[in-house]
Structure formats: C-alpha cells, structure tokens
Full PDB file with SEQRES, HELIX, SHEET, SSBOND, CRYST1, ORIGX, SCALE, CONECT and MASTER records, all heavy atoms in Angstrom:
SEQRES   1 A   39  TYR SER ARG ILE ARG ALA ILE ASN GLU VAL ALA LEU GLY          
SEQRES   2 A   39  GLU ILE GLU LEU TRP SER LYS SER ALA ALA ALA GLN LEU          
SEQRES   3 A   39  ASP ALA GLN LEU ARG GLU ARG ARG ARG ALA PHE ALA ARG          
HELIX    1 AA1 SER A    2  ALA A   38  1                                  37    
CRYST1    1.000    1.000    1.000  90.00  90.00  90.00 P 1           1          
ORIGX1      1.000000  0.000000  0.000000        0.00000                         
ORIGX2      0.000000  1.000000  0.000000        0.00000                         
ORIGX3      0.000000  0.000000  1.000000        0.00000                         
SCALE1      1.000000  0.000000  0.000000        0.00000                         
SCALE2      0.000000  1.000000  0.000000        0.00000                         
SCALE3      0.000000  0.000000  1.000000        0.00000                         
ATOM      1  N   TYR A   1     172.082 134.640  64.071  1.00  0.00           N  
ATOM      2  CA  TYR A   1     172.260 133.491  63.136  1.00  0.00           C  
ATOM      3  C   TYR A   1     172.826 132.292  63.746  1.00  0.00           C  
ATOM      4  O   TYR A   1     172.418 131.126  63.619  1.00  0.00           O  
ATOM      5  CB  TYR A   1     173.014 133.969  61.970  1.00  0.00           C  
ATOM      6  CG  TYR A   1     173.579 132.879  61.103  1.00  0.00           C  
ATOM      7  CD1 TYR A   1     172.607 132.329  60.057  1.00  0.00           C  
ATOM      8  CD2 TYR A   1     174.818 132.422  61.069  1.00  0.00           C  
ATOM      9  CE1 TYR A   1     172.943 131.171  59.280  1.00  0.00           C  
ATOM     10  CE2 TYR A   1     175.108 131.254  60.219  1.00  0.00           C  
ATOM     11  CZ  TYR A   1     174.284 130.753  59.292  1.00  0.00           C  
ATOM     12  OH  TYR A   1     174.621 129.792  58.512  1.00  0.00           O  
ATOM     13  N   SER A   2     173.916 132.551  64.566  1.00  0.00           N  
ATOM     14  CA  SER A   2     174.506 131.420  65.269  1.00  0.00           C  
ATOM     15  C   SER A   2     173.568 130.713  66.217  1.00  0.00           C  
ATOM     16  O   SER A   2     173.579 129.442  66.254  1.00  0.00           O  
ATOM     17  CB  SER A   2     175.791 131.874  65.996  1.00  0.00           C  
ATOM     18  OG  SER A   2     176.781 132.478  65.238  1.00  0.00           O  
ATOM     19  N   ARG A   3     172.867 131.392  67.002  1.00  0.00           N  
ATOM     20  CA  ARG A   3     171.927 130.836  67.840  1.00  0.00           C  
ATOM     21  C   ARG A   3     170.762 130.023  67.277  1.00  0.00           C  
ATOM     22  O   ARG A   3     170.483 128.936  67.538  1.00  0.00           O  
ATOM     23  CB  ARG A   3     171.203 131.960  68.744  1.00  0.00           C  
ATOM     24  CG  ARG A   3     170.294 131.337  69.724  1.00  0.00           C  
ATOM     25  CD  ARG A   3     170.942 130.951  70.905  1.00  0.00           C  
ATOM     26  NE  ARG A   3     169.811 130.430  71.940  1.00  0.00           N  
ATOM     27  CZ  ARG A   3     169.220 131.214  72.816  1.00  0.00           C  
ATOM     28  NH1 ARG A   3     169.405 132.555  72.766  1.00  0.00           N  
ATOM     29  NH2 ARG A   3     168.373 130.694  73.608  1.00  0.00           N  
ATOM     30  N   ILE A   4     170.193 130.609  66.170  1.00  0.00           N  
ATOM     31  CA  ILE A   4     169.141 129.899  65.535  1.00  0.00           C  
ATOM     32  C   ILE A   4     169.642 128.756  64.707  1.00  0.00           C  
ATOM     33  O   ILE A   4     168.985 127.775  64.598  1.00  0.00           O  
ATOM     34  CB  ILE A   4     168.411 130.840  64.572  1.00  0.00           C  
ATOM     35  CG1 ILE A   4     167.646 131.916  65.404  1.00  0.00           C  
ATOM     36  CG2 ILE A   4     167.232 130.217  63.727  1.00  0.00           C  
ATOM     37  CD1 ILE A   4     167.109 133.118  64.599  1.00  0.00           C  
ATOM     38  N   ARG A   5     170.866 128.892  63.985  1.00  0.00           N  
ATOM     39  CA  ARG A   5     171.353 127.710  63.336  1.00  0.00           C  
ATOM     40  C   ARG A   5     171.621 126.441  64.299  1.00  0.00           C  
ATOM     41  O   ARG A   5     171.319 125.402  63.970  1.00  0.00           O  
ATOM     42  CB  ARG A   5     172.842 128.017  62.637  1.00  0.00           C  
ATOM     43  CG  ARG A   5     173.359 127.021  61.817  1.00  0.00           C  
ATOM     44  CD  ARG A   5     174.744 127.487  61.300  1.00  0.00           C  
ATOM     45  NE  ARG A   5     175.775 127.657  62.346  1.00  0.00           N  
ATOM     46  CZ  ARG A   5     176.947 128.070  62.181  1.00  0.00           C  
ATOM     47  NH1 ARG A   5     177.304 128.390  60.995  1.00  0.00           N  
ATOM     48  NH2 ARG A   5     177.718 128.232  63.252  1.00  0.00           N  
ATOM     49  N   ALA A   6     172.041 126.857  65.430  1.00  0.00           N  
ATOM     50  CA  ALA A   6     172.320 125.771  66.425  1.00  0.00           C  
ATOM     51  C   ALA A   6     170.933 124.994  66.806  1.00  0.00           C  
ATOM     52  O   ALA A   6     170.799 123.758  66.857  1.00  0.00           O  
ATOM     53  CB  ALA A   6     172.842 126.188  67.746  1.00  0.00           C  
ATOM     54  N   ILE A   7     169.775 125.764  66.882  1.00  0.00           N  
ATOM     55  CA  ILE A   7     168.480 125.286  67.283  1.00  0.00           C  
ATOM     56  C   ILE A   7     168.097 124.407  65.926  1.00  0.00           C  
ATOM     57  O   ILE A   7     167.530 123.262  66.130  1.00  0.00           O  
ATOM     58  CB  ILE A   7     167.437 126.457  67.337  1.00  0.00           C  
ATOM     59  CG1 ILE A   7     167.878 127.145  68.604  1.00  0.00           C  
ATOM     60  CG2 ILE A   7     166.037 125.879  67.433  1.00  0.00           C  
ATOM     61  CD1 ILE A   7     167.008 128.506  68.874  1.00  0.00           C  
ATOM     62  N   ASN A   8     168.263 125.045  64.733  1.00  0.00           N  
ATOM     63  CA  ASN A   8     167.821 124.269  63.591  1.00  0.00           C  
ATOM     64  C   ASN A   8     168.545 122.883  63.441  1.00  0.00           C  
ATOM     65  O   ASN A   8     168.066 121.841  63.000  1.00  0.00           O  
ATOM     66  CB  ASN A   8     167.990 125.040  62.348  1.00  0.00           C  
ATOM     67  CG  ASN A   8     166.904 126.220  62.202  1.00  0.00           C  
ATOM     68  OD1 ASN A   8     166.088 126.271  63.169  1.00  0.00           O  
ATOM     69  ND2 ASN A   8     167.001 127.060  61.163  1.00  0.00           N  
ATOM     70  N   GLU A   9     169.976 122.929  63.712  1.00  0.00           N  
ATOM     71  CA  GLU A   9     170.663 121.747  63.491  1.00  0.00           C  
ATOM     72  C   GLU A   9     170.352 120.614  64.471  1.00  0.00           C  
ATOM     73  O   GLU A   9     170.250 119.610  63.958  1.00  0.00           O  
ATOM     74  CB  GLU A   9     172.270 122.157  63.667  1.00  0.00           C  
ATOM     75  CG  GLU A   9     172.739 122.977  62.479  1.00  0.00           C  
ATOM     76  CD  GLU A   9     174.262 123.356  62.740  1.00  0.00           C  
ATOM     77  OE1 GLU A   9     174.667 123.254  63.868  1.00  0.00           O  
ATOM     78  OE2 GLU A   9     174.892 123.782  61.828  1.00  0.00           O  
ATOM     79  N   VAL A  10     170.029 121.012  65.613  1.00  0.00           N  
ATOM     80  CA  VAL A  10     169.502 120.037  66.702  1.00  0.00           C  
ATOM     81  C   VAL A  10     168.258 119.398  66.183  1.00  0.00           C  
ATOM     82  O   VAL A  10     167.919 118.117  66.243  1.00  0.00           O  
ATOM     83  CB  VAL A  10     169.473 120.659  67.988  1.00  0.00           C  
ATOM     84  CG1 VAL A  10     168.981 119.624  69.044  1.00  0.00           C  
ATOM     85  CG2 VAL A  10     170.765 120.967  68.512  1.00  0.00           C  
ATOM     86  N   ALA A  11     167.252 120.266  65.729  1.00  0.00           N  
ATOM     87  CA  ALA A  11     165.886 119.866  65.312  1.00  0.00           C  
ATOM     88  C   ALA A  11     166.113 119.006  64.065  1.00  0.00           C  
ATOM     89  O   ALA A  11     165.482 117.804  63.975  1.00  0.00           O  
ATOM     90  CB  ALA A  11     165.040 121.027  64.814  1.00  0.00           C  
ATOM     91  N   LEU A  12     166.993 119.309  63.141  1.00  0.00           N  
ATOM     92  CA  LEU A  12     167.284 118.467  61.918  1.00  0.00           C  
ATOM     93  C   LEU A  12     167.841 117.029  62.347  1.00  0.00           C  
ATOM     94  O   LEU A  12     167.600 116.054  61.729  1.00  0.00           O  
ATOM     95  CB  LEU A  12     168.214 119.105  60.967  1.00  0.00           C  
ATOM     96  CG  LEU A  12     167.615 120.302  60.153  1.00  0.00           C  
ATOM     97  CD1 LEU A  12     168.612 121.037  59.361  1.00  0.00           C  
ATOM     98  CD2 LEU A  12     166.488 119.778  59.227  1.00  0.00           C  
ATOM     99  N   GLY A  13     168.871 117.065  63.322  1.00  0.00           N  
ATOM    100  CA  GLY A  13     169.402 115.900  63.849  1.00  0.00           C  
ATOM    101  C   GLY A  13     168.318 114.989  64.355  1.00  0.00           C  
ATOM    102  O   GLY A  13     168.400 113.727  64.070  1.00  0.00           O  
ATOM    103  N   GLU A  14     167.353 115.471  65.061  1.00  0.00           N  
ATOM    104  CA  GLU A  14     166.262 114.685  65.696  1.00  0.00           C  
ATOM    105  C   GLU A  14     165.421 114.000  64.428  1.00  0.00           C  
ATOM    106  O   GLU A  14     165.081 112.945  64.629  1.00  0.00           O  
ATOM    107  CB  GLU A  14     165.540 115.486  66.686  1.00  0.00           C  
ATOM    108  CG  GLU A  14     164.477 114.675  67.239  1.00  0.00           C  
ATOM    109  CD  GLU A  14     163.630 115.360  68.406  1.00  0.00           C  
ATOM    110  OE1 GLU A  14     163.960 116.438  68.708  1.00  0.00           O  
ATOM    111  OE2 GLU A  14     162.700 114.831  68.742  1.00  0.00           O  
ATOM    112  N   ILE A  15     165.197 114.923  63.571  1.00  0.00           N  
ATOM    113  CA  ILE A  15     164.203 114.545  62.502  1.00  0.00           C  
ATOM    114  C   ILE A  15     164.933 113.336  61.651  1.00  0.00           C  
ATOM    115  O   ILE A  15     164.255 112.375  61.286  1.00  0.00           O  
ATOM    116  CB  ILE A  15     163.756 115.628  61.429  1.00  0.00           C  
ATOM    117  CG1 ILE A  15     162.907 116.559  62.319  1.00  0.00           C  
ATOM    118  CG2 ILE A  15     163.127 115.169  60.231  1.00  0.00           C  
ATOM    119  CD1 ILE A  15     162.646 117.843  61.643  1.00  0.00           C  
ATOM    120  N   GLU A  16     166.267 113.583  61.431  1.00  0.00           N  
ATOM    121  CA  GLU A  16     167.041 112.630  60.559  1.00  0.00           C  
ATOM    122  C   GLU A  16     167.109 111.340  61.267  1.00  0.00           C  
ATOM    123  O   GLU A  16     166.914 110.239  60.768  1.00  0.00           O  
ATOM    124  CB  GLU A  16     168.265 113.273  60.262  1.00  0.00           C  
ATOM    125  CG  GLU A  16     169.215 112.273  59.356  1.00  0.00           C  
ATOM    126  CD  GLU A  16     170.539 112.881  59.248  1.00  0.00           C  
ATOM    127  OE1 GLU A  16     171.075 113.674  59.891  1.00  0.00           O  
ATOM    128  OE2 GLU A  16     171.108 112.478  58.048  1.00  0.00           O  
ATOM    129  N   LEU A  17     167.239 111.337  62.672  1.00  0.00           N  
ATOM    130  CA  LEU A  17     167.401 110.106  63.353  1.00  0.00           C  
ATOM    131  C   LEU A  17     166.164 109.429  63.490  1.00  0.00           C  
ATOM    132  O   LEU A  17     166.029 108.166  63.340  1.00  0.00           O  
ATOM    133  CB  LEU A  17     167.844 110.425  64.846  1.00  0.00           C  
ATOM    134  CG  LEU A  17     168.164 109.209  65.729  1.00  0.00           C  
ATOM    135  CD1 LEU A  17     169.192 108.277  65.164  1.00  0.00           C  
ATOM    136  CD2 LEU A  17     168.470 109.676  67.099  1.00  0.00           C  
ATOM    137  N   TRP A  18     164.972 110.231  63.545  1.00  0.00           N  
ATOM    138  CA  TRP A  18     163.621 109.503  63.522  1.00  0.00           C  
ATOM    139  C   TRP A  18     163.418 108.825  62.070  1.00  0.00           C  
ATOM    140  O   TRP A  18     162.955 107.706  62.136  1.00  0.00           O  
ATOM    141  CB  TRP A  18     162.670 110.616  63.756  1.00  0.00           C  
ATOM    142  CG  TRP A  18     161.200 110.288  63.343  1.00  0.00           C  
ATOM    143  CD1 TRP A  18     160.407 109.414  64.006  1.00  0.00           C  
ATOM    144  CD2 TRP A  18     160.487 110.618  62.261  1.00  0.00           C  
ATOM    145  NE1 TRP A  18     159.210 109.322  63.442  1.00  0.00           N  
ATOM    146  CE2 TRP A  18     159.137 109.959  62.263  1.00  0.00           C  
ATOM    147  CE3 TRP A  18     160.749 111.562  61.169  1.00  0.00           C  
ATOM    148  CZ2 TRP A  18     158.244 110.261  61.299  1.00  0.00           C  
ATOM    149  CZ3 TRP A  18     159.757 111.838  60.220  1.00  0.00           C  
ATOM    150  CH2 TRP A  18     158.430 111.123  60.267  1.00  0.00           C  
ATOM    151  N   SER A  19     163.774 109.462  61.033  1.00  0.00           N  
ATOM    152  CA  SER A  19     163.667 108.823  59.750  1.00  0.00           C  
ATOM    153  C   SER A  19     164.574 107.583  59.615  1.00  0.00           C  
ATOM    154  O   SER A  19     164.184 106.662  59.076  1.00  0.00           O  
ATOM    155  CB  SER A  19     163.997 109.952  58.703  1.00  0.00           C  
ATOM    156  OG  SER A  19     163.982 109.364  57.430  1.00  0.00           O  
ATOM    157  N   LYS A  20     165.718 107.759  60.062  1.00  0.00           N  
ATOM    158  CA  LYS A  20     166.678 106.632  60.046  1.00  0.00           C  
ATOM    159  C   LYS A  20     166.154 105.392  60.908  1.00  0.00           C  
ATOM    160  O   LYS A  20     166.387 104.225  60.512  1.00  0.00           O  
ATOM    161  CB  LYS A  20     168.021 106.941  60.468  1.00  0.00           C  
ATOM    162  CG  LYS A  20     168.882 107.777  59.471  1.00  0.00           C  
ATOM    163  CD  LYS A  20     170.327 108.089  59.966  1.00  0.00           C  
ATOM    164  CE  LYS A  20     171.214 108.759  58.963  1.00  0.00           C  
ATOM    165  NZ  LYS A  20     172.427 109.081  59.590  1.00  0.00           N  
ATOM    166  N   SER A  21     165.590 105.729  62.043  1.00  0.00           N  
ATOM    167  CA  SER A  21     165.097 104.629  62.827  1.00  0.00           C  
ATOM    168  C   SER A  21     163.970 103.822  62.294  1.00  0.00           C  
ATOM    169  O   SER A  21     163.889 102.612  62.430  1.00  0.00           O  
ATOM    170  CB  SER A  21     164.609 105.149  64.249  1.00  0.00           C  
ATOM    171  OG  SER A  21     165.683 105.805  64.912  1.00  0.00           O  
ATOM    172  N   ALA A  22     163.099 104.637  61.532  1.00  0.00           N  
ATOM    173  CA  ALA A  22     162.010 103.941  60.870  1.00  0.00           C  
ATOM    174  C   ALA A  22     162.581 103.016  59.773  1.00  0.00           C  
ATOM    175  O   ALA A  22     162.110 101.921  59.646  1.00  0.00           O  
ATOM    176  CB  ALA A  22     160.956 104.898  60.350  1.00  0.00           C  
ATOM    177  N   ALA A  23     163.498 103.631  59.010  1.00  0.00           N  
ATOM    178  CA  ALA A  23     164.058 102.837  57.970  1.00  0.00           C  
ATOM    179  C   ALA A  23     164.912 101.583  58.444  1.00  0.00           C  
ATOM    180  O   ALA A  23     164.959 100.514  57.857  1.00  0.00           O  
ATOM    181  CB  ALA A  23     165.014 103.851  57.076  1.00  0.00           C  
ATOM    182  N   ALA A  24     165.511 101.966  59.606  1.00  0.00           N  
ATOM    183  CA  ALA A  24     166.387 100.769  60.175  1.00  0.00           C  
ATOM    184  C   ALA A  24     165.597  99.527  60.641  1.00  0.00           C  
ATOM    185  O   ALA A  24     165.856  98.491  60.485  1.00  0.00           O  
ATOM    186  CB  ALA A  24     167.378 101.328  61.229  1.00  0.00           C  
ATOM    187  N   GLN A  25     164.361 100.036  61.213  1.00  0.00           N  
ATOM    188  CA  GLN A  25     163.401  98.888  61.672  1.00  0.00           C  
ATOM    189  C   GLN A  25     162.991  98.060  60.632  1.00  0.00           C  
ATOM    190  O   GLN A  25     162.925  96.922  60.543  1.00  0.00           O  
ATOM    191  CB  GLN A  25     162.250  99.686  62.414  1.00  0.00           C  
ATOM    192  CG  GLN A  25     161.278  98.649  63.086  1.00  0.00           C  
ATOM    193  CD  GLN A  25     160.006  99.377  63.651  1.00  0.00           C  
ATOM    194  OE1 GLN A  25     159.066  98.710  63.873  1.00  0.00           O  
ATOM    195  NE2 GLN A  25     160.182 100.735  63.720  1.00  0.00           N  
ATOM    196  N   LEU A  26     162.552  98.800  59.442  1.00  0.00           N  
ATOM    197  CA  LEU A  26     162.127  98.041  58.324  1.00  0.00           C  
ATOM    198  C   LEU A  26     163.176  97.178  57.750  1.00  0.00           C  
ATOM    199  O   LEU A  26     163.074  95.938  57.325  1.00  0.00           O  
ATOM    200  CB  LEU A  26     161.560  99.063  57.221  1.00  0.00           C  
ATOM    201  CG  LEU A  26     161.076  98.578  55.892  1.00  0.00           C  
ATOM    202  CD1 LEU A  26     160.080  97.568  56.052  1.00  0.00           C  
ATOM    203  CD2 LEU A  26     160.832  99.698  55.025  1.00  0.00           C  
ATOM    204  N   ASP A  27     164.493  97.796  57.628  1.00  0.00           N  
ATOM    205  CA  ASP A  27     165.532  97.127  57.035  1.00  0.00           C  
ATOM    206  C   ASP A  27     165.894  95.741  57.827  1.00  0.00           C  
ATOM    207  O   ASP A  27     166.191  94.817  57.411  1.00  0.00           O  
ATOM    208  CB  ASP A  27     166.738  97.967  56.917  1.00  0.00           C  
ATOM    209  CG  ASP A  27     166.759  99.025  55.935  1.00  0.00           C  
ATOM    210  OD1 ASP A  27     165.971  98.721  54.933  1.00  0.00           O  
ATOM    211  OD2 ASP A  27     167.446 100.056  55.985  1.00  0.00           O  
ATOM    212  N   ALA A  28     165.696  95.866  59.211  1.00  0.00           N  
ATOM    213  CA  ALA A  28     166.131  94.780  60.082  1.00  0.00           C  
ATOM    214  C   ALA A  28     165.100  93.609  59.785  1.00  0.00           C  
ATOM    215  O   ALA A  28     165.543  92.509  59.691  1.00  0.00           O  
ATOM    216  CB  ALA A  28     166.094  95.278  61.521  1.00  0.00           C  
ATOM    217  N   GLN A  29     163.857  93.963  59.763  1.00  0.00           N  
ATOM    218  CA  GLN A  29     162.812  92.987  59.443  1.00  0.00           C  
ATOM    219  C   GLN A  29     162.932  92.405  58.156  1.00  0.00           C  
ATOM    220  O   GLN A  29     162.698  91.136  57.974  1.00  0.00           O  
ATOM    221  CB  GLN A  29     161.451  93.336  59.951  1.00  0.00           C  
ATOM    222  CG  GLN A  29     161.423  93.822  61.287  1.00  0.00           C  
ATOM    223  CD  GLN A  29     159.909  93.884  61.901  1.00  0.00           C  
ATOM    224  OE1 GLN A  29     159.068  93.182  61.389  1.00  0.00           O  
ATOM    225  NE2 GLN A  29     159.814  94.627  62.893  1.00  0.00           N  
ATOM    226  N   LEU A  30     163.195  93.187  57.209  1.00  0.00           N  
ATOM    227  CA  LEU A  30     163.424  92.640  55.751  1.00  0.00           C  
ATOM    228  C   LEU A  30     164.615  91.643  55.776  1.00  0.00           C  
ATOM    229  O   LEU A  30     164.591  90.589  55.122  1.00  0.00           O  
ATOM    230  CB  LEU A  30     163.709  93.760  54.810  1.00  0.00           C  
ATOM    231  CG  LEU A  30     162.427  94.668  54.443  1.00  0.00           C  
ATOM    232  CD1 LEU A  30     162.970  95.884  53.593  1.00  0.00           C  
ATOM    233  CD2 LEU A  30     161.466  93.842  53.648  1.00  0.00           C  
ATOM    234  N   ARG A  31     165.652  92.207  56.423  1.00  0.00           N  
ATOM    235  CA  ARG A  31     166.951  91.249  56.475  1.00  0.00           C  
ATOM    236  C   ARG A  31     166.662  89.971  57.191  1.00  0.00           C  
ATOM    237  O   ARG A  31     167.082  88.947  56.772  1.00  0.00           O  
ATOM    238  CB  ARG A  31     168.125  92.070  57.180  1.00  0.00           C  
ATOM    239  CG  ARG A  31     169.371  91.416  57.206  1.00  0.00           C  
ATOM    240  CD  ARG A  31     170.437  92.323  57.623  1.00  0.00           C  
ATOM    241  NE  ARG A  31     170.201  92.863  58.955  1.00  0.00           N  
ATOM    242  CZ  ARG A  31     169.956  94.197  59.224  1.00  0.00           C  
ATOM    243  NH1 ARG A  31     169.764  95.105  58.059  1.00  0.00           N  
ATOM    244  NH2 ARG A  31     169.668  94.733  60.429  1.00  0.00           N  
ATOM    245  N   GLU A  32     165.902  90.104  58.363  1.00  0.00           N  
ATOM    246  CA  GLU A  32     165.633  88.848  59.099  1.00  0.00           C  
ATOM    247  C   GLU A  32     164.677  87.813  58.238  1.00  0.00           C  
ATOM    248  O   GLU A  32     164.838  86.646  58.281  1.00  0.00           O  
ATOM    249  CB  GLU A  32     164.897  89.137  60.425  1.00  0.00           C  
ATOM    250  CG  GLU A  32     165.822  89.796  61.473  1.00  0.00           C  
ATOM    251  CD  GLU A  32     166.920  88.870  61.817  1.00  0.00           C  
ATOM    252  OE1 GLU A  32     166.710  87.467  61.777  1.00  0.00           O  
ATOM    253  OE2 GLU A  32     167.995  89.331  62.333  1.00  0.00           O  
ATOM    254  N   ARG A  33     163.830  88.430  57.495  1.00  0.00           N  
ATOM    255  CA  ARG A  33     162.959  87.642  56.674  1.00  0.00           C  
ATOM    256  C   ARG A  33     163.741  86.875  55.537  1.00  0.00           C  
ATOM    257  O   ARG A  33     163.415  85.774  55.231  1.00  0.00           O  
ATOM    258  CB  ARG A  33     161.711  88.391  56.093  1.00  0.00           C  
ATOM    259  CG  ARG A  33     160.784  87.667  55.188  1.00  0.00           C  
ATOM    260  CD  ARG A  33     160.270  86.468  55.900  1.00  0.00           C  
ATOM    261  NE  ARG A  33     159.620  86.787  57.159  1.00  0.00           N  
ATOM    262  CZ  ARG A  33     158.250  87.146  57.317  1.00  0.00           C  
ATOM    263  NH1 ARG A  33     157.540  87.251  56.250  1.00  0.00           N  
ATOM    264  NH2 ARG A  33     157.795  87.545  58.492  1.00  0.00           N  
ATOM    265  N   ARG A  34     164.618  87.584  54.869  1.00  0.00           N  
ATOM    266  CA  ARG A  34     165.549  87.056  53.949  1.00  0.00           C  
ATOM    267  C   ARG A  34     166.313  85.931  54.517  1.00  0.00           C  
ATOM    268  O   ARG A  34     166.551  84.785  53.800  1.00  0.00           O  
ATOM    269  CB  ARG A  34     166.347  88.150  53.186  1.00  0.00           C  
ATOM    270  CG  ARG A  34     165.545  89.103  52.399  1.00  0.00           C  
ATOM    271  CD  ARG A  34     166.235  90.019  51.413  1.00  0.00           C  
ATOM    272  NE  ARG A  34     165.535  90.880  50.659  1.00  0.00           N  
ATOM    273  CZ  ARG A  34     165.365  92.138  50.960  1.00  0.00           C  
ATOM    274  NH1 ARG A  34     165.986  92.625  52.123  1.00  0.00           N  
ATOM    275  NH2 ARG A  34     164.605  92.869  50.182  1.00  0.00           N  
ATOM    276  N   ARG A  35     166.856  86.202  55.725  1.00  0.00           N  
ATOM    277  CA  ARG A  35     167.692  85.050  56.348  1.00  0.00           C  
ATOM    278  C   ARG A  35     166.754  83.912  56.744  1.00  0.00           C  
ATOM    279  O   ARG A  35     167.185  82.680  56.598  1.00  0.00           O  
ATOM    280  CB  ARG A  35     168.235  85.589  57.605  1.00  0.00           C  
ATOM    281  CG  ARG A  35     169.452  86.501  57.473  1.00  0.00           C  
ATOM    282  CD  ARG A  35     169.853  87.108  58.843  1.00  0.00           C  
ATOM    283  NE  ARG A  35     171.005  87.937  58.723  1.00  0.00           N  
ATOM    284  CZ  ARG A  35     171.528  88.720  59.783  1.00  0.00           C  
ATOM    285  NH1 ARG A  35     170.758  88.650  60.908  1.00  0.00           N  
ATOM    286  NH2 ARG A  35     172.528  89.507  59.479  1.00  0.00           N  
ATOM    287  N   ALA A  36     165.489  84.201  57.070  1.00  0.00           N  
ATOM    288  CA  ALA A  36     164.618  83.159  57.354  1.00  0.00           C  
ATOM    289  C   ALA A  36     164.298  82.194  56.074  1.00  0.00           C  
ATOM    290  O   ALA A  36     164.330  81.023  56.256  1.00  0.00           O  
ATOM    291  CB  ALA A  36     163.245  83.545  57.915  1.00  0.00           C  
ATOM    292  N   PHE A  37     164.191  82.963  55.030  1.00  0.00           N  
ATOM    293  CA  PHE A  37     164.028  82.115  53.686  1.00  0.00           C  
ATOM    294  C   PHE A  37     165.280  81.292  53.411  1.00  0.00           C  
ATOM    295  O   PHE A  37     165.006  80.138  53.093  1.00  0.00           O  
ATOM    296  CB  PHE A  37     163.832  83.140  52.538  1.00  0.00           C  
ATOM    297  CG  PHE A  37     162.317  83.612  52.394  1.00  0.00           C  
ATOM    298  CD1 PHE A  37     162.158  85.035  52.337  1.00  0.00           C  
ATOM    299  CD2 PHE A  37     161.275  82.731  52.297  1.00  0.00           C  
ATOM    300  CE1 PHE A  37     160.827  85.377  52.173  1.00  0.00           C  
ATOM    301  CE2 PHE A  37     159.950  83.254  52.282  1.00  0.00           C  
ATOM    302  CZ  PHE A  37     159.807  84.559  52.127  1.00  0.00           C  
ATOM    303  N   ALA A  38     166.481  81.812  53.568  1.00  0.00           N  
ATOM    304  CA  ALA A  38     167.576  81.118  53.424  1.00  0.00           C  
ATOM    305  C   ALA A  38     167.669  79.979  54.319  1.00  0.00           C  
ATOM    306  O   ALA A  38     168.115  78.704  53.944  1.00  0.00           O  
ATOM    307  CB  ALA A  38     168.777  82.062  53.532  1.00  0.00           C  
ATOM    308  N   ARG A  39     167.308  80.074  55.555  1.00  0.00           N  
ATOM    309  CA  ARG A  39     167.450  78.960  56.604  1.00  0.00           C  
ATOM    310  C   ARG A  39     166.331  77.907  56.135  1.00  0.00           C  
ATOM    311  O   ARG A  39     166.729  76.733  56.375  1.00  0.00           O  
ATOM    312  CB  ARG A  39     167.214  79.626  57.971  1.00  0.00           C  
ATOM    313  CG  ARG A  39     168.314  80.323  58.527  1.00  0.00           C  
ATOM    314  CD  ARG A  39     168.208  80.471  60.115  1.00  0.00           C  
ATOM    315  NE  ARG A  39     167.043  81.441  60.414  1.00  0.00           N  
ATOM    316  CZ  ARG A  39     167.049  82.744  60.503  1.00  0.00           C  
ATOM    317  NH1 ARG A  39     168.371  83.259  60.494  1.00  0.00           N  
ATOM    318  NH2 ARG A  39     166.150  83.436  60.891  1.00  0.00           N  
TER     319      ARG A  39                                                      
MASTER        0    0    0    1    0    0    0    6  318    1    0    3          
END                                                                             
C-alpha cells in the first residue's frame, strides 16, 4: 500500500500540475487582455 500510494501521489501531482498549467496559461492571457483594454 505504501509503495503504490507513493506512485499514485506522484502521478496525481503531475496531472494536477498539468491541469494548473493549462488554466494558468489561459488566466495569464485573459489577464493581459483585460489590462490591454484598460490601457
């Protein structure tokens, strides 16, 4: 259980970071576009 849990946790960490990276990329461009409108 300890061994497989460690494997699963690393896999989940990679999937979560992948999901966050996609969301962050979108947030960054949305944020820049709103700043552009303000400028």
